[in-house]
C-alpha atoms as a PDB file:
ATOM      1  CA  UNK A   1      71.134  21.869 -67.902  1.00  0.00           C
ATOM      2  CA  UNK A   2      67.809  19.734 -66.863  1.00  0.00           C
ATOM      3  CA  UNK A   3      65.142  19.993 -64.855  1.00  0.00           C
ATOM      4  CA  UNK A   4      61.829  18.169 -63.958  1.00  0.00           C
ATOM      5  CA  UNK A   5      60.778  15.871 -60.847  1.00  0.00           C
ATOM      6  CA  UNK A   6      63.677  15.292 -58.884  1.00  0.00           C
ATOM      7  CA  UNK A   7      62.500  12.042 -57.174  1.00  0.00           C
ATOM      8  CA  UNK A   8      58.851  12.172 -56.873  1.00  0.00           C
ATOM      9  CA  UNK A   9      56.978  12.522 -53.789  1.00  0.00           C
ATOM     10  CA  UNK A  10      58.474  12.984 -50.436  1.00  0.00           C
ATOM     11  CA  UNK A  11      59.247   9.747 -48.578  1.00  0.00           C
ATOM     12  CA  UNK A  12      59.022  10.912 -44.870  1.00  0.00           C
ATOM     13  CA  UNK A  13      59.197  14.049 -42.829  1.00  0.00           C
ATOM     14  CA  UNK A  14      59.981  14.507 -39.548  1.00  0.00           C
ATOM     15  CA  UNK A  15      61.430  17.241 -36.922  1.00  0.00           C
ATOM     16  CA  UNK A  16      64.695  17.041 -35.308  1.00  0.00           C
ATOM     17  CA  UNK A  17      66.109  19.255 -32.316  1.00  0.00           C
ATOM     18  CA  UNK A  18      70.113  19.691 -31.518  1.00  0.00           C
ATOM     19  CA  UNK A  19      71.755  22.203 -29.367  1.00  0.00           C
ATOM     20  CA  UNK A  20      74.157  23.898 -30.768  1.00  0.00           C
ATOM     21  CA  UNK A  21      76.946  26.482 -30.641  1.00  0.00           C
ATOM     22  CA  UNK A  22      77.872  28.763 -33.361  1.00  0.00           C
ATOM     23  CA  UNK A  23      81.172  30.698 -33.855  1.00  0.00           C
ATOM     24  CA  UNK A  24      81.215  34.440 -34.540  1.00  0.00           C
ATOM     25  CA  UNK A  25      80.591  35.087 -38.106  1.00  0.00           C
ATOM     26  CA  UNK A  26      83.023  38.192 -39.226  1.00  0.00           C
ATOM     27  CA  UNK A  27      81.517  41.543 -40.368  1.00  0.00           C
ATOM     28  CA  UNK A  28      80.122  42.134 -43.618  1.00  0.00           C
ATOM     29  CA  UNK A  29      80.564  38.419 -44.718  1.00  0.00           C
ATOM     30  CA  UNK A  30      78.617  34.557 -44.633  1.00  0.00           C
ATOM     31  CA  UNK A  31      80.019  31.827 -43.010  1.00  0.00           C
ATOM     32  CA  UNK A  32      79.192  28.318 -43.152  1.00  0.00           C
ATOM     33  CA  UNK A  33      79.500  26.357 -39.869  1.00  0.00           C
ATOM     34  CA  UNK A  34      78.848  22.317 -39.288  1.00  0.00           C
ATOM     35  CA  UNK A  35      76.864  20.868 -36.827  1.00  0.00           C
ATOM     36  CA  UNK A  36      76.186  17.463 -35.592  1.00  0.00           C
ATOM     37  CA  UNK A  37      72.105  16.777 -36.020  1.00  0.00           C
ATOM     38  CA  UNK A  38      71.844  12.795 -35.743  1.00  0.00           C
ATOM     39  CA  UNK A  39      69.322  11.303 -37.755  1.00  0.00           C
ATOM     40  CA  UNK A  40      69.516  13.456 -41.289  1.00  0.00           C
ATOM     41  CA  UNK A  41      71.556  11.874 -44.239  1.00  0.00           C
ATOM     42  CA  UNK A  42      72.797  13.270 -47.805  1.00  0.00           C
ATOM     43  CA  UNK A  43      69.745  14.310 -50.357  1.00  0.00           C
ATOM     44  CA  UNK A  44      67.621  15.211 -47.205  1.00  0.00           C
ATOM     45  CA  UNK A  45      66.156  18.211 -47.487  1.00  0.00           C
ATOM     46  CA  UNK A  46      66.273  20.688 -44.036  1.00  0.00           C
ATOM     47  CA  UNK A  47      64.875  23.917 -42.808  1.00  0.00           C
ATOM     48  CA  UNK A  48      66.069  24.931 -39.684  1.00  0.00           C
ATOM     49  CA  UNK A  49      64.604  27.201 -36.933  1.00  0.00           C
ATOM     50  CA  UNK A  50      66.906  28.833 -34.364  1.00  0.00           C
ATOM     51  CA  UNK A  51      66.530  29.133 -30.926  1.00  0.00           C
ATOM     52  CA  UNK A  52      66.405  32.870 -31.009  1.00  0.00           C
ATOM     53  CA  UNK A  53      67.183  36.057 -33.125  1.00  0.00           C
ATOM     54  CA  UNK A  54      70.194  38.020 -33.090  1.00  0.00           C
ATOM     55  CA  UNK A  55      70.182  41.205 -34.340  1.00  0.00           C
ATOM     56  CA  UNK A  56      72.576  41.466 -37.367  1.00  0.00           C
ATOM     57  CA  UNK A  57      72.384  37.768 -37.926  1.00  0.00           C
ATOM     58  CA  UNK A  58      70.348  35.581 -40.233  1.00  0.00           C
ATOM     59  CA  UNK A  59      70.442  32.448 -42.015  1.00  0.00           C
ATOM     60  CA  UNK A  60      70.763  32.114 -45.755  1.00  0.00           C
ATOM     61  CA  UNK A  61      70.502  28.155 -46.184  1.00  0.00           C
ATOM     62  CA  UNK A  62      70.965  24.926 -44.417  1.00  0.00           C
ATOM     63  CA  UNK A  63      71.586  21.392 -46.145  1.00  0.00           C
ATOM     64  CA  UNK A  64      72.890  18.029 -45.030  1.00  0.00           C
ATOM     65  CA  UNK A  65      76.657  17.684 -45.621  1.00  0.00           C
ATOM     66  CA  UNK A  66      76.987  14.388 -44.563  1.00  0.00           C
ATOM     67  CA  UNK A  67      75.847  11.794 -42.711  1.00  0.00           C
ATOM     68  CA  UNK A  68      74.676  12.783 -39.501  1.00  0.00           C
ATOM     69  CA  UNK A  69      75.807  16.960 -40.358  1.00  0.00           C
ATOM     70  CA  UNK A  70      74.014  19.686 -40.983  1.00  0.00           C
ATOM     71  CA  UNK A  71      75.955  22.762 -42.731  1.00  0.00           C
ATOM     72  CA  UNK A  72      74.045  26.452 -41.986  1.00  0.00           C
ATOM     73  CA  UNK A  73      75.162  29.517 -43.647  1.00  0.00           C
ATOM     74  CA  UNK A  74      75.186  32.675 -41.296  1.00  0.00           C
ATOM     75  CA  UNK A  75      74.600  36.048 -43.025  1.00  0.00           C
ATOM     76  CA  UNK A  76      75.896  39.100 -41.225  1.00  0.00           C
ATOM     77  CA  UNK A  77      76.107  42.551 -43.210  1.00  0.00           C
ATOM     78  CA  UNK A  78      76.619  44.922 -40.092  1.00  0.00           C
ATOM     79  CA  UNK A  79      80.171  46.267 -39.351  1.00  0.00           C
ATOM     80  CA  UNK A  80      80.940  44.257 -36.473  1.00  0.00           C
ATOM     81  CA  UNK A  81      80.945  40.813 -35.668  1.00  0.00           C
ATOM     82  CA  UNK A  82      77.548  38.776 -34.469  1.00  0.00           C
ATOM     83  CA  UNK A  83      77.864  35.459 -32.790  1.00  0.00           C
ATOM     84  CA  UNK A  84      74.226  33.518 -33.816  1.00  0.00           C
ATOM     85  CA  UNK A  85      71.980  32.411 -30.818  1.00  0.00           C
ATOM     86  CA  UNK A  86      73.340  29.051 -28.994  1.00  0.00           C
ATOM     87  CA  UNK A  87      70.629  26.533 -28.123  1.00  0.00           C
ATOM     88  CA  UNK A  88      68.256  24.193 -29.053  1.00  0.00           C
ATOM     89  CA  UNK A  89      67.452  24.495 -33.099  1.00  0.00           C
ATOM     90  CA  UNK A  90      64.716  22.656 -34.659  1.00  0.00           C
ATOM     91  CA  UNK A  91      64.784  21.095 -38.263  1.00  0.00           C
ATOM     92  CA  UNK A  92      62.379  20.007 -40.028  1.00  0.00           C
ATOM     93  CA  UNK A  93      63.422  17.075 -42.659  1.00  0.00           C
ATOM     94  CA  UNK A  94      62.007  15.806 -45.611  1.00  0.00           C
ATOM     95  CA  UNK A  95      63.200  13.046 -47.272  1.00  0.00           C
ATOM     96  CA  UNK A  96      63.087  12.401 -50.744  1.00  0.00           C
ATOM     97  CA  UNK A  97      61.372   9.296 -52.356  1.00  0.00           C
ATOM     98  CA  UNK A  98      64.715   8.058 -54.275  1.00  0.00           C
ATOM     99  CA  UNK A  99      66.540   8.088 -51.175  1.00  0.00           C
ATOM    100  CA  UNK A 100      64.024   5.738 -49.276  1.00  0.00           C
ATOM    101  CA  UNK A 101      65.369   1.873 -48.663  1.00  0.00           C
ATOM    102  CA  UNK A 102      65.122  -0.305 -51.908  1.00  0.00           C
ATOM    103  CA  UNK A 103      63.157  -2.756 -50.205  1.00  0.00           C
ATOM    104  CA  UNK A 104      60.055  -0.639 -49.980  1.00  0.00           C
ATOM    105  CA  UNK A 105      60.396   0.604 -53.394  1.00  0.00           C
ATOM    106  CA  UNK A 106      57.903  -0.621 -56.251  1.00  0.00           C
ATOM    107  CA  UNK A 107      55.412  -2.221 -53.309  1.00  0.00           C
END
């Protein structure tokens, strides 16, 4: 396994918002759900902030799975099905330097 500097600096960072309606998460499990978030691209790094907290459900990870698509993994450790909050989710997006347009690299 290799390690080191992935791509240097962050080329850009910005905030996005999207109205999401997650599905219920079954008892004692995790569930990755995908949502349309216009503007994100593979290799972008995303952090997600839900519109509110729901007892018994949390977010484990968020990743860009395809152009304009974020996959969020919800966790439900409770003994009942839980539905994450619906509403406007906020996304902090960081674009690695390696993904910036070729015309900008080197100058």
